Amino acid sequence: MVQIAQSAWRIYPDELDLRGAGQPLDVLKAFVNNFGLNVTVRGKEFLFLESELAPKKELLQFGIKGIEAFGSVSTMDTNDPDLVQVGIAYSINIPKYRDALKARGVSL
């Protein structure tokens, strides 16, 4: 198997609840819990979508209208031509994340 990094985020442990984070995916979940927006699939909203079947023709909806967001999704085909297996999907509130970086003096 090959894993491809789709994005990288600068995180600060004092902004996230990392108790119990034993692997990188746990850190990403904590980041999304702090800076995330909902992802909608099949009419249900998720802050962090993991291991979910979704209709291939249905576009996942990321974020909230009017808020700049970054959406990421990884999918894999299934034996059913109408479904995909979503590995993970999440959306980040860019203004909230940008403000947090600026508050730390990070130049953007």
PDB file of N, CA and C in Angstrom:
ATOM      1  N   MET A   1       0.836  -1.182   0.000  1.00  0.00           N
ATOM      2  CA  MET A   1       0.000   0.000   0.000  1.00  0.00           C
ATOM      3  C   MET A   1       0.884   1.249   0.000  1.00  0.00           C
ATOM      4  N   VAL A   2       0.361   2.305  -0.570  1.00  0.00           N
ATOM      5  CA  VAL A   2       1.066   3.572  -0.628  1.00  0.00           C
ATOM      6  C   VAL A   2       0.204   4.622   0.064  1.00  0.00           C
ATOM      7  N   GLN A   3       0.816   5.412   0.931  1.00  0.00           N
ATOM      8  CA  GLN A   3       0.110   6.503   1.578  1.00  0.00           C
ATOM      9  C   GLN A   3       0.637   7.809   1.014  1.00  0.00           C
ATOM     10  N   ILE A   4      -0.273   8.681   0.634  1.00  0.00           N
ATOM     11  CA  ILE A   4       0.089   9.968   0.055  1.00  0.00           C
ATOM     12  C   ILE A   4      -0.411  11.071   0.998  1.00  0.00           C
ATOM     13  N   ALA A   5       0.496  11.917   1.449  1.00  0.00           N
ATOM     14  CA  ALA A   5       0.110  13.041   2.307  1.00  0.00           C
ATOM     15  C   ALA A   5      -0.651  14.060   1.470  1.00  0.00           C
ATOM     16  N   GLN A   6      -1.844  14.413   1.909  1.00  0.00           N
ATOM     17  CA  GLN A   6      -2.666  15.364   1.170  1.00  0.00           C
ATOM     18  C   GLN A   6      -2.542  16.779   1.712  1.00  0.00           C
ATOM     19  N   SER A   7      -2.112  16.901   2.949  1.00  0.00           N
ATOM     20  CA  SER A   7      -1.980  18.228   3.547  1.00  0.00           C
ATOM     21  C   SER A   7      -1.090  18.137   4.777  1.00  0.00           C
ATOM     22  N   ALA A   8      -0.611  19.287   5.211  1.00  0.00           N
ATOM     23  CA  ALA A   8       0.198  19.370   6.435  1.00  0.00           C
ATOM     24  C   ALA A   8      -0.271  20.603   7.200  1.00  0.00           C
ATOM     25  N   TRP A   9      -0.382  20.450   8.518  1.00  0.00           N
ATOM     26  CA  TRP A   9      -0.872  21.525   9.360  1.00  0.00           C
ATOM     27  C   TRP A   9       0.109  21.780  10.487  1.00  0.00           C
ATOM     28  N   ARG A  10       0.289  23.024  10.829  1.00  0.00           N
ATOM     29  CA  ARG A  10       1.119  23.382  11.978  1.00  0.00           C
ATOM     30  C   ARG A  10       0.211  23.331  13.205  1.00  0.00           C
ATOM     31  N   ILE A  11       0.595  22.521  14.165  1.00  0.00           N
ATOM     32  CA  ILE A  11      -0.221  22.391  15.369  1.00  0.00           C
ATOM     33  C   ILE A  11       0.592  22.765  16.595  1.00  0.00           C
ATOM     34  N   TYR A  12      -0.123  23.141  17.639  1.00  0.00           N
ATOM     35  CA  TYR A  12       0.487  23.477  18.916  1.00  0.00           C
ATOM     36  C   TYR A  12      -0.245  22.675  19.992  1.00  0.00           C
ATOM     37  N   PRO A  13       0.491  21.854  20.725  1.00  0.00           N
ATOM     38  CA  PRO A  13      -0.146  20.973  21.710  1.00  0.00           C
ATOM     39  C   PRO A  13      -0.998  21.694  22.747  1.00  0.00           C
ATOM     40  N   ASP A  14      -0.692  22.958  23.059  1.00  0.00           N
ATOM     41  CA  ASP A  14      -1.498  23.667  24.050  1.00  0.00           C
ATOM     42  C   ASP A  14      -2.862  24.098  23.501  1.00  0.00           C
ATOM     43  N   GLU A  15      -3.070  23.977  22.199  1.00  0.00           N
ATOM     44  CA  GLU A  15      -4.368  24.310  21.601  1.00  0.00           C
ATOM     45  C   GLU A  15      -5.251  23.085  21.411  1.00  0.00           C
ATOM     46  N   LEU A  16      -4.682  21.904  21.519  1.00  0.00           N
ATOM     47  CA  LEU A  16      -5.410  20.675  21.239  1.00  0.00           C
ATOM     48  C   LEU A  16      -5.445  19.770  22.457  1.00  0.00           C
ATOM     49  N   ASP A  17      -6.478  18.973  22.553  1.00  0.00           N
ATOM     50  CA  ASP A  17      -6.556  17.955  23.596  1.00  0.00           C
ATOM     51  C   ASP A  17      -5.906  16.692  23.048  1.00  0.00           C
ATOM     52  N   LEU A  18      -4.656  16.471  23.411  1.00  0.00           N
ATOM     53  CA  LEU A  18      -3.897  15.330  22.889  1.00  0.00           C
ATOM     54  C   LEU A  18      -3.824  14.171  23.877  1.00  0.00           C
ATOM     55  N   ARG A  19      -4.596  14.260  24.954  1.00  0.00           N
ATOM     56  CA  ARG A  19      -4.626  13.119  25.882  1.00  0.00           C
ATOM     57  C   ARG A  19      -5.141  11.898  25.138  1.00  0.00           C
ATOM     58  N   GLY A  20      -4.420  10.834  25.229  1.00  0.00           N
ATOM     59  CA  GLY A  20      -4.830   9.604  24.563  1.00  0.00           C
ATOM     60  C   GLY A  20      -4.414   9.521  23.105  1.00  0.00           C
ATOM     61  N   ALA A  21      -3.742  10.537  22.588  1.00  0.00           N
ATOM     62  CA  ALA A  21      -3.291  10.500  21.192  1.00  0.00           C
ATOM     63  C   ALA A  21      -2.064   9.598  21.105  1.00  0.00           C
ATOM     64  N   GLY A  22      -2.231   8.448  20.496  1.00  0.00           N
ATOM     65  CA  GLY A  22      -1.134   7.493  20.405  1.00  0.00           C
ATOM     66  C   GLY A  22      -0.583   7.329  19.008  1.00  0.00           C
ATOM     67  N   GLN A  23      -1.252   7.934  18.039  1.00  0.00           N
ATOM     68  CA  GLN A  23      -0.797   7.821  16.654  1.00  0.00           C
ATOM     69  C   GLN A  23      -1.174   9.095  15.896  1.00  0.00           C
ATOM     70  N   PRO A  24      -0.574   9.306  14.728  1.00  0.00           N
ATOM     71  CA  PRO A  24      -0.826  10.548  13.985  1.00  0.00           C
ATOM     72  C   PRO A  24      -2.300  10.819  13.697  1.00  0.00           C
ATOM     73  N   LEU A  25      -3.083   9.786  13.428  1.00  0.00           N
ATOM     74  CA  LEU A  25      -4.500  10.001  13.149  1.00  0.00           C
ATOM     75  C   LEU A  25      -5.214  10.616  14.350  1.00  0.00           C
ATOM     76  N   ASP A  26      -4.795  10.260  15.559  1.00  0.00           N
ATOM     77  CA  ASP A  26      -5.382  10.843  16.768  1.00  0.00           C
ATOM     78  C   ASP A  26      -5.081  12.338  16.857  1.00  0.00           C
ATOM     79  N   VAL A  27      -3.897  12.736  16.438  1.00  0.00           N
ATOM     80  CA  VAL A  27      -3.523  14.155  16.440  1.00  0.00           C
ATOM     81  C   VAL A  27      -4.366  14.911  15.412  1.00  0.00           C
ATOM     82  N   LEU A  28      -4.559  14.316  14.233  1.00  0.00           N
ATOM     83  CA  LEU A  28      -5.406  14.949  13.211  1.00  0.00           C
ATOM     84  C   LEU A  28      -6.834  15.108  13.726  1.00  0.00           C
ATOM     85  N   LYS A  29      -7.360  14.097  14.390  1.00  0.00           N
ATOM     86  CA  LYS A  29      -8.713  14.198  14.949  1.00  0.00           C
ATOM     87  C   LYS A  29      -8.801  15.330  15.976  1.00  0.00           C
ATOM     88  N   ALA A  30      -7.792  15.460  16.820  1.00  0.00           N
ATOM     89  CA  ALA A  30      -7.784  16.540  17.807  1.00  0.00           C
ATOM     90  C   ALA A  30      -7.737  17.897  17.109  1.00  0.00           C
ATOM     91  N   PHE A  31      -6.951  17.999  16.048  1.00  0.00           N
ATOM     92  CA  PHE A  31      -6.869  19.236  15.264  1.00  0.00           C
ATOM     93  C   PHE A  31      -8.232  19.575  14.664  1.00  0.00           C
ATOM     94  N   VAL A  32      -8.883  18.571  14.086  1.00  0.00           N
ATOM     95  CA  VAL A  32     -10.205  18.788  13.484  1.00  0.00           C
ATOM     96  C   VAL A  32     -11.234  19.148  14.557  1.00  0.00           C
ATOM     97  N   ASN A  33     -11.127  18.551  15.736  1.00  0.00           N
ATOM     98  CA  ASN A  33     -12.048  18.907  16.822  1.00  0.00           C
ATOM     99  C   ASN A  33     -11.943  20.387  17.174  1.00  0.00           C
ATOM    100  N   ASN A  34     -10.761  20.960  17.018  1.00  0.00           N
ATOM    101  CA  ASN A  34     -10.550  22.363  17.349  1.00  0.00           C
ATOM    102  C   ASN A  34     -10.859  23.303  16.182  1.00  0.00           C
ATOM    103  N   PHE A  35     -10.468  22.928  14.992  1.00  0.00           N
ATOM    104  CA  PHE A  35     -10.563  23.838  13.844  1.00  0.00           C
ATOM    105  C   PHE A  35     -11.529  23.363  12.750  1.00  0.00           C
ATOM    106  N   GLY A  36     -12.228  22.277  12.982  1.00  0.00           N
ATOM    107  CA  GLY A  36     -13.032  21.674  11.928  1.00  0.00           C
ATOM    108  C   GLY A  36     -14.406  22.273  11.715  1.00  0.00           C
ATOM    109  N   LEU A  37     -14.896  22.025  10.521  1.00  0.00           N
ATOM    110  CA  LEU A  37     -16.278  22.302  10.138  1.00  0.00           C
ATOM    111  C   LEU A  37     -16.892  20.965   9.725  1.00  0.00           C
ATOM    112  N   ASN A  38     -18.206  20.894   9.712  1.00  0.00           N
ATOM    113  CA  ASN A  38     -18.857  19.634   9.393  1.00  0.00           C
ATOM    114  C   ASN A  38     -18.670  19.209   7.939  1.00  0.00           C
ATOM    115  N   VAL A  39     -18.643  17.892   7.765  1.00  0.00           N
ATOM    116  CA  VAL A  39     -18.686  17.255   6.456  1.00  0.00           C
ATOM    117  C   VAL A  39     -20.033  16.544   6.401  1.00  0.00           C
ATOM    118  N   THR A  40     -20.764  16.715   5.308  1.00  0.00           N
ATOM    119  CA  THR A  40     -22.080  16.102   5.190  1.00  0.00           C
ATOM    120  C   THR A  40     -22.048  15.030   4.109  1.00  0.00           C
ATOM    121  N   VAL A  41     -22.537  13.838   4.458  1.00  0.00           N
ATOM    122  CA  VAL A  41     -22.681  12.739   3.510  1.00  0.00           C
ATOM    123  C   VAL A  41     -23.954  11.987   3.868  1.00  0.00           C
ATOM    124  N   ARG A  42     -24.722  11.660   2.861  1.00  0.00           N
ATOM    125  CA  ARG A  42     -26.013  10.973   3.051  1.00  0.00           C
ATOM    126  C   ARG A  42     -26.915  11.729   4.022  1.00  0.00           C
ATOM    127  N   GLY A  43     -26.826  13.044   4.002  1.00  0.00           N
ATOM    128  CA  GLY A  43     -27.659  13.865   4.859  1.00  0.00           C
ATOM    129  C   GLY A  43     -27.232  13.912   6.316  1.00  0.00           C
ATOM    130  N   LYS A  44     -26.149  13.228   6.681  1.00  0.00           N
ATOM    131  CA  LYS A  44     -25.660  13.240   8.061  1.00  0.00           C
ATOM    132  C   LYS A  44     -24.405  14.106   8.132  1.00  0.00           C
ATOM    133  N   GLU A  45     -24.256  14.806   9.245  1.00  0.00           N
ATOM    134  CA  GLU A  45     -23.093  15.661   9.434  1.00  0.00           C
ATOM    135  C   GLU A  45     -22.079  14.987  10.343  1.00  0.00           C
ATOM    136  N   PHE A  46     -20.818  15.121   9.969  1.00  0.00           N
ATOM    137  CA  PHE A  46     -19.712  14.565  10.725  1.00  0.00           C
ATOM    138  C   PHE A  46     -18.642  15.639  10.864  1.00  0.00           C
ATOM    139  N   LEU A  47     -18.021  15.730  12.005  1.00  0.00           N
ATOM    140  CA  LEU A  47     -16.874  16.612  12.142  1.00  0.00           C
ATOM    141  C   LEU A  47     -15.653  15.924  11.533  1.00  0.00           C
ATOM    142  N   PHE A  48     -15.548  14.631  11.764  1.00  0.00           N
ATOM    143  CA  PHE A  48     -14.459  13.826  11.198  1.00  0.00           C
ATOM    144  C   PHE A  48     -15.088  12.524  10.734  1.00  0.00           C
ATOM    145  N   LEU A  49     -15.084  12.300   9.448  1.00  0.00           N
ATOM    146  CA  LEU A  49     -15.683  11.110   8.861  1.00  0.00           C
ATOM    147  C   LEU A  49     -14.597  10.071   8.671  1.00  0.00           C
ATOM    148  N   GLU A  50     -14.844   8.878   9.191  1.00  0.00           N
ATOM    149  CA  GLU A  50     -13.853   7.810   9.084  1.00  0.00           C
ATOM    150  C   GLU A  50     -14.551   6.503   8.750  1.00  0.00           C
ATOM    151  N   SER A  51     -14.039   5.853   7.712  1.00  0.00           N
ATOM    152  CA  SER A  51     -14.501   4.527   7.319  1.00  0.00           C
ATOM    153  C   SER A  51     -16.016   4.472   7.136  1.00  0.00           C
ATOM    154  N   GLU A  52     -16.496   5.157   6.111  1.00  0.00           N
ATOM    155  CA  GLU A  52     -17.926   5.243   5.830  1.00  0.00           C
ATOM    156  C   GLU A  52     -18.157   4.975   4.347  1.00  0.00           C
ATOM    157  N   LEU A  53     -19.180   4.203   4.025  1.00  0.00           N
ATOM    158  CA  LEU A  53     -19.568   4.009   2.630  1.00  0.00           C
ATOM    159  C   LEU A  53     -20.373   5.225   2.191  1.00  0.00           C
ATOM    160  N   ALA A  54     -20.136   5.658   0.967  1.00  0.00           N
ATOM    161  CA  ALA A  54     -20.855   6.812   0.437  1.00  0.00           C
ATOM    162  C   ALA A  54     -21.201   6.553  -1.026  1.00  0.00           C
ATOM    163  N   PRO A  55     -22.343   7.061  -1.467  1.00  0.00           N
ATOM    164  CA  PRO A  55     -22.685   6.935  -2.883  1.00  0.00           C
ATOM    165  C   PRO A  55     -21.644   7.640  -3.750  1.00  0.00           C
ATOM    166  N   LYS A  56     -21.201   6.959  -4.794  1.00  0.00           N
ATOM    167  CA  LYS A  56     -20.165   7.518  -5.657  1.00  0.00           C
ATOM    168  C   LYS A  56     -20.619   8.819  -6.306  1.00  0.00           C
ATOM    169  N   LYS A  57     -21.900   8.913  -6.640  1.00  0.00           N
ATOM    170  CA  LYS A  57     -22.404  10.095  -7.337  1.00  0.00           C
ATOM    171  C   LYS A  57     -22.666  11.269  -6.393  1.00  0.00           C
ATOM    172  N   GLU A  58     -22.694  11.007  -5.099  1.00  0.00           N
ATOM    173  CA  GLU A  58     -22.961  12.077  -4.138  1.00  0.00           C
ATOM    174  C   GLU A  58     -21.674  12.781  -3.778  1.00  0.00           C
ATOM    175  N   LEU A  59     -21.655  14.066  -3.973  1.00  0.00           N
ATOM    176  CA  LEU A  59     -20.500  14.848  -3.551  1.00  0.00           C
ATOM    177  C   LEU A  59     -20.605  15.102  -2.063  1.00  0.00           C
ATOM    178  N   LEU A  60     -19.504  14.923  -1.367  1.00  0.00           N
ATOM    179  CA  LEU A  60     -19.489  15.267   0.043  1.00  0.00           C
ATOM    180  C   LEU A  60     -19.522  16.784   0.143  1.00  0.00           C
ATOM    181  N   GLN A  61     -20.258  17.296   1.093  1.00  0.00           N
ATOM    182  CA  GLN A  61     -20.333  18.735   1.304  1.00  0.00           C
ATOM    183  C   GLN A  61     -19.420  19.086   2.464  1.00  0.00           C
ATOM    184  N   PHE A  62     -18.555  20.054   2.234  1.00  0.00           N
ATOM    185  CA  PHE A  62     -17.576  20.460   3.227  1.00  0.00           C
ATOM    186  C   PHE A  62     -17.881  21.854   3.745  1.00  0.00           C
ATOM    187  N   GLY A  63     -17.811  22.013   5.066  1.00  0.00           N
ATOM    188  CA  GLY A  63     -17.863  23.333   5.663  1.00  0.00           C
ATOM    189  C   GLY A  63     -19.234  23.975   5.677  1.00  0.00           C
ATOM    190  N   ILE A  64     -19.220  25.272   5.823  1.00  0.00           N
ATOM    191  CA  ILE A  64     -20.427  26.072   5.935  1.00  0.00           C
ATOM    192  C   ILE A  64     -20.359  27.169   4.882  1.00  0.00           C
ATOM    193  N   LYS A  65     -21.454  27.383   4.211  1.00  0.00           N
ATOM    194  CA  LYS A  65     -21.493  28.416   3.181  1.00  0.00           C
ATOM    195  C   LYS A  65     -21.054  29.752   3.764  1.00  0.00           C
ATOM    196  N   GLY A  66     -20.159  30.412   3.069  1.00  0.00           N
ATOM    197  CA  GLY A  66     -19.693  31.723   3.493  1.00  0.00           C
ATOM    198  C   GLY A  66     -18.440  31.702   4.352  1.00  0.00           C
ATOM    199  N   ILE A  67     -17.978  30.504   4.748  1.00  0.00           N
ATOM    200  CA  ILE A  67     -16.738  30.397   5.524  1.00  0.00           C
ATOM    201  C   ILE A  67     -15.699  29.695   4.658  1.00  0.00           C
ATOM    202  N   GLU A  68     -14.549  30.356   4.498  1.00  0.00           N
ATOM    203  CA  GLU A  68     -13.458  29.750   3.727  1.00  0.00           C
ATOM    204  C   GLU A  68     -13.027  28.462   4.418  1.00  0.00           C
ATOM    205  N   ALA A  69     -12.989  27.359   3.658  1.00  0.00           N
ATOM    206  CA  ALA A  69     -12.686  26.058   4.252  1.00  0.00           C
ATOM    207  C   ALA A  69     -11.752  25.269   3.358  1.00  0.00           C
ATOM    208  N   PHE A  70     -11.002  24.385   3.991  1.00  0.00           N
ATOM    209  CA  PHE A  70     -10.182  23.409   3.290  1.00  0.00           C
ATOM    210  C   PHE A  70     -10.814  22.051   3.549  1.00  0.00           C
ATOM    211  N   GLY A  71     -11.139  21.331   2.499  1.00  0.00           N
ATOM    212  CA  GLY A  71     -11.723  20.002   2.649  1.00  0.00           C
ATOM    213  C   GLY A  71     -10.773  18.947   2.132  1.00  0.00           C
ATOM    214  N   SER A  72     -10.726  17.823   2.826  1.00  0.00           N
ATOM    215  CA  SER A  72      -9.874  16.714   2.412  1.00  0.00           C
ATOM    216  C   SER A  72     -10.661  15.418   2.528  1.00  0.00           C
ATOM    217  N   VAL A  73     -10.547  14.584   1.515  1.00  0.00           N
ATOM    218  CA  VAL A  73     -11.229  13.290   1.536  1.00  0.00           C
ATOM    219  C   VAL A  73     -10.357  12.261   0.833  1.00  0.00           C
ATOM    220  N   SER A  74     -10.320  11.071   1.392  1.00  0.00           N
ATOM    221  CA  SER A  74      -9.652   9.961   0.716  1.00  0.00           C
ATOM    222  C   SER A  74     -10.686   8.865   0.511  1.00  0.00           C
ATOM    223  N   THR A  75     -10.731   8.323  -0.698  1.00  0.00           N
ATOM    224  CA  THR A  75     -11.714   7.292  -1.017  1.00  0.00           C
ATOM    225  C   THR A  75     -11.053   6.123  -1.730  1.00  0.00           C
ATOM    226  N   MET A  76     -11.765   5.017  -1.718  1.00  0.00           N
ATOM    227  CA  MET A  76     -11.314   3.814  -2.413  1.00  0.00           C
ATOM    228  C   MET A  76     -12.547   3.175  -3.041  1.00  0.00           C
ATOM    229  N   ASP A  77     -12.403   2.676  -4.250  1.00  0.00           N
ATOM    230  CA  ASP A  77     -13.518   1.995  -4.900  1.00  0.00           C
ATOM    231  C   ASP A  77     -13.886   0.727  -4.135  1.00  0.00           C
ATOM    232  N   THR A  78     -15.141   0.328  -4.280  1.00  0.00           N
ATOM    233  CA  THR A  78     -15.625  -0.909  -3.667  1.00  0.00           C
ATOM    234  C   THR A  78     -16.086  -1.854  -4.778  1.00  0.00           C
ATOM    235  N   ASN A  79     -16.539  -3.017  -4.393  1.00  0.00           N
ATOM    236  CA  ASN A  79     -17.082  -3.958  -5.378  1.00  0.00           C
ATOM    237  C   ASN A  79     -18.409  -3.486  -5.939  1.00  0.00           C
ATOM    238  N   ASP A  80     -19.059  -2.574  -5.244  1.00  0.00           N
ATOM    239  CA  ASP A  80     -20.309  -1.985  -5.709  1.00  0.00           C
ATOM    240  C   ASP A  80     -19.969  -0.738  -6.521  1.00  0.00           C
ATOM    241  N   PRO A  81     -20.299  -0.728  -7.814  1.00  0.00           N
ATOM    242  CA  PRO A  81     -19.916   0.423  -8.647  1.00  0.00           C
ATOM    243  C   PRO A  81     -20.577   1.730  -8.247  1.00  0.00           C
ATOM    244  N   ASP A  82     -21.600   1.675  -7.401  1.00  0.00           N
ATOM    245  CA  ASP A  82     -22.292   2.886  -6.981  1.00  0.00           C
ATOM    246  C   ASP A  82     -21.777   3.450  -5.655  1.00  0.00           C
ATOM    247  N   LEU A  83     -20.863   2.724  -4.988  1.00  0.00           N
ATOM    248  CA  LEU A  83     -20.386   3.150  -3.669  1.00  0.00           C
ATOM    249  C   LEU A  83     -18.872   3.303  -3.638  1.00  0.00           C
ATOM    250  N   VAL A  84     -18.417   4.206  -2.804  1.00  0.00           N
ATOM    251  CA  VAL A  84     -16.988   4.329  -2.503  1.00  0.00           C
ATOM    252  C   VAL A  84     -16.822   4.176  -0.999  1.00  0.00           C
ATOM    253  N   GLN A  85     -15.653   3.710  -0.611  1.00  0.00           N
ATOM    254  CA  GLN A  85     -15.298   3.639   0.806  1.00  0.00           C
ATOM    255  C   GLN A  85     -14.527   4.905   1.143  1.00  0.00           C
ATOM    256  N   VAL A  86     -15.089   5.722   2.018  1.00  0.00           N
ATOM    257  CA  VAL A  86     -14.388   6.916   2.466  1.00  0.00           C
ATOM    258  C   VAL A  86     -13.449   6.489   3.581  1.00  0.00           C
ATOM    259  N   GLY A  87     -12.156   6.749   3.389  1.00  0.00           N
ATOM    260  CA  GLY A  87     -11.192   6.461   4.446  1.00  0.00           C
ATOM    261  C   GLY A  87     -11.325   7.495   5.543  1.00  0.00           C
ATOM    262  N   ILE A  88     -11.053   8.747   5.190  1.00  0.00           N
ATOM    263  CA  ILE A  88     -11.297   9.867   6.094  1.00  0.00           C
ATOM    264  C   ILE A  88     -11.754  11.067   5.278  1.00  0.00           C
ATOM    265  N   ALA A  89     -12.492  11.940   5.935  1.00  0.00           N
ATOM    266  CA  ALA A  89     -12.895  13.210   5.334  1.00  0.00           C
ATOM    267  C   ALA A  89     -13.041  14.219   6.464  1.00  0.00           C
ATOM    268  N   TYR A  90     -12.549  15.416   6.209  1.00  0.00           N
ATOM    269  CA  TYR A  90     -12.668  16.488   7.201  1.00  0.00           C
ATOM    270  C   TYR A  90     -12.591  17.828   6.491  1.00  0.00           C
ATOM    271  N   SER A  91     -12.984  18.869   7.197  1.00  0.00           N
ATOM    272  CA  SER A  91     -12.965  20.225   6.665  1.00  0.00           C
ATOM    273  C   SER A  91     -12.432  21.158   7.744  1.00  0.00           C
ATOM    274  N   ILE A  92     -11.558  22.070   7.358  1.00  0.00           N
ATOM    275  CA  ILE A  92     -10.945  23.000   8.309  1.00  0.00           C
ATOM    276  C   ILE A  92     -11.445  24.422   8.060  1.00  0.00           C
ATOM    277  N   ASN A  93     -11.797  25.100   9.140  1.00  0.00           N
ATOM    278  CA  ASN A  93     -12.217  26.492   9.115  1.00  0.00           C
ATOM    279  C   ASN A  93     -10.950  27.344   8.954  1.00  0.00           C
ATOM    280  N   ILE A  94     -10.683  27.791   7.747  1.00  0.00           N
ATOM    281  CA  ILE A  94      -9.440  28.500   7.450  1.00  0.00           C
ATOM    282  C   ILE A  94      -9.307  29.811   8.232  1.00  0.00           C
ATOM    283  N   PRO A  95     -10.337  30.663   8.321  1.00  0.00           N
ATOM    284  CA  PRO A  95     -10.159  31.898   9.099  1.00  0.00           C
ATOM    285  C   PRO A  95      -9.817  31.626  10.573  1.00  0.00           C
ATOM    286  N   LYS A  96     -10.451  30.639  11.175  1.00  0.00           N
ATOM    287  CA  LYS A  96     -10.155  30.312  12.580  1.00  0.00           C
ATOM    288  C   LYS A  96      -8.711  29.820  12.721  1.00  0.00           C
ATOM    289  N   TYR A  97      -8.284  28.967  11.806  1.00  0.00           N
ATOM    290  CA  TYR A  97      -6.915  28.447  11.840  1.00  0.00           C
ATOM    291  C   TYR A  97      -5.907  29.576  11.593  1.00  0.00           C
ATOM    292  N   ARG A  98      -6.188  30.411  10.616  1.00  0.00           N
ATOM    293  CA  ARG A  98      -5.298  31.539  10.290  1.00  0.00           C
ATOM    294  C   ARG A  98      -5.168  32.482  11.492  1.00  0.00           C
ATOM    295  N   ASP A  99      -6.285  32.784  12.160  1.00  0.00           N
ATOM    296  CA  ASP A  99      -6.249  33.657  13.336  1.00  0.00           C
ATOM    297  C   ASP A  99      -5.404  33.060  14.451  1.00  0.00           C
ATOM    298  N   ALA A 100      -5.505  31.759  14.651  1.00  0.00           N
ATOM    299  CA  ALA A 100      -4.714  31.092  15.687  1.00  0.00           C
ATOM    300  C   ALA A 100      -3.215  31.178  15.378  1.00  0.00           C
ATOM    301  N   LEU A 101      -2.875  31.031  14.109  1.00  0.00           N
ATOM    302  CA  LEU A 101      -1.458  31.146  13.718  1.00  0.00           C
ATOM    303  C   LEU A 101      -0.963  32.584  13.907  1.00  0.00           C
ATOM    304  N   LYS A 102      -1.756  33.541  13.475  1.00  0.00           N
ATOM    305  CA  LYS A 102      -1.373  34.942  13.618  1.00  0.00           C
ATOM    306  C   LYS A 102      -1.183  35.324  15.088  1.00  0.00           C
ATOM    307  N   ALA A 103      -2.040  34.776  15.971  1.00  0.00           N
ATOM    308  CA  ALA A 103      -1.928  35.073  17.397  1.00  0.00           C
ATOM    309  C   ALA A 103      -0.614  34.582  17.974  1.00  0.00           C
ATOM    310  N   ARG A 104       0.014  33.617  17.314  1.00  0.00           N
ATOM    311  CA  ARG A 104       1.315  33.099  17.734  1.00  0.00           C
ATOM    312  C   ARG A 104       2.459  33.803  17.028  1.00  0.00           C
ATOM    313  N   GLY A 105       2.136  34.797  16.195  1.00  0.00           N
ATOM    314  CA  GLY A 105       3.177  35.529  15.494  1.00  0.00           C
ATOM    315  C   GLY A 105       3.670  34.868  14.228  1.00  0.00           C
ATOM    316  N   VAL A 106       2.948  33.868  13.745  1.00  0.00           N
ATOM    317  CA  VAL A 106       3.338  33.193  12.508  1.00  0.00           C
ATOM    318  C   VAL A 106       2.966  34.102  11.344  1.00  0.00           C
ATOM    319  N   SER A 107       3.929  34.388  10.476  1.00  0.00           N
ATOM    320  CA  SER A 107       3.617  35.239   9.322  1.00  0.00           C
ATOM    321  C   SER A 107       3.083  34.350   8.208  1.00  0.00           C
ATOM    322  N   LEU A 108       2.020  34.826   7.613  1.00  0.00           N
ATOM    323  CA  LEU A 108       1.342  34.049   6.552  1.00  0.00           C
ATOM    324  C   LEU A 108       1.466  34.748   5.223  1.00  0.00           C
TER     325      LEU A 108
END
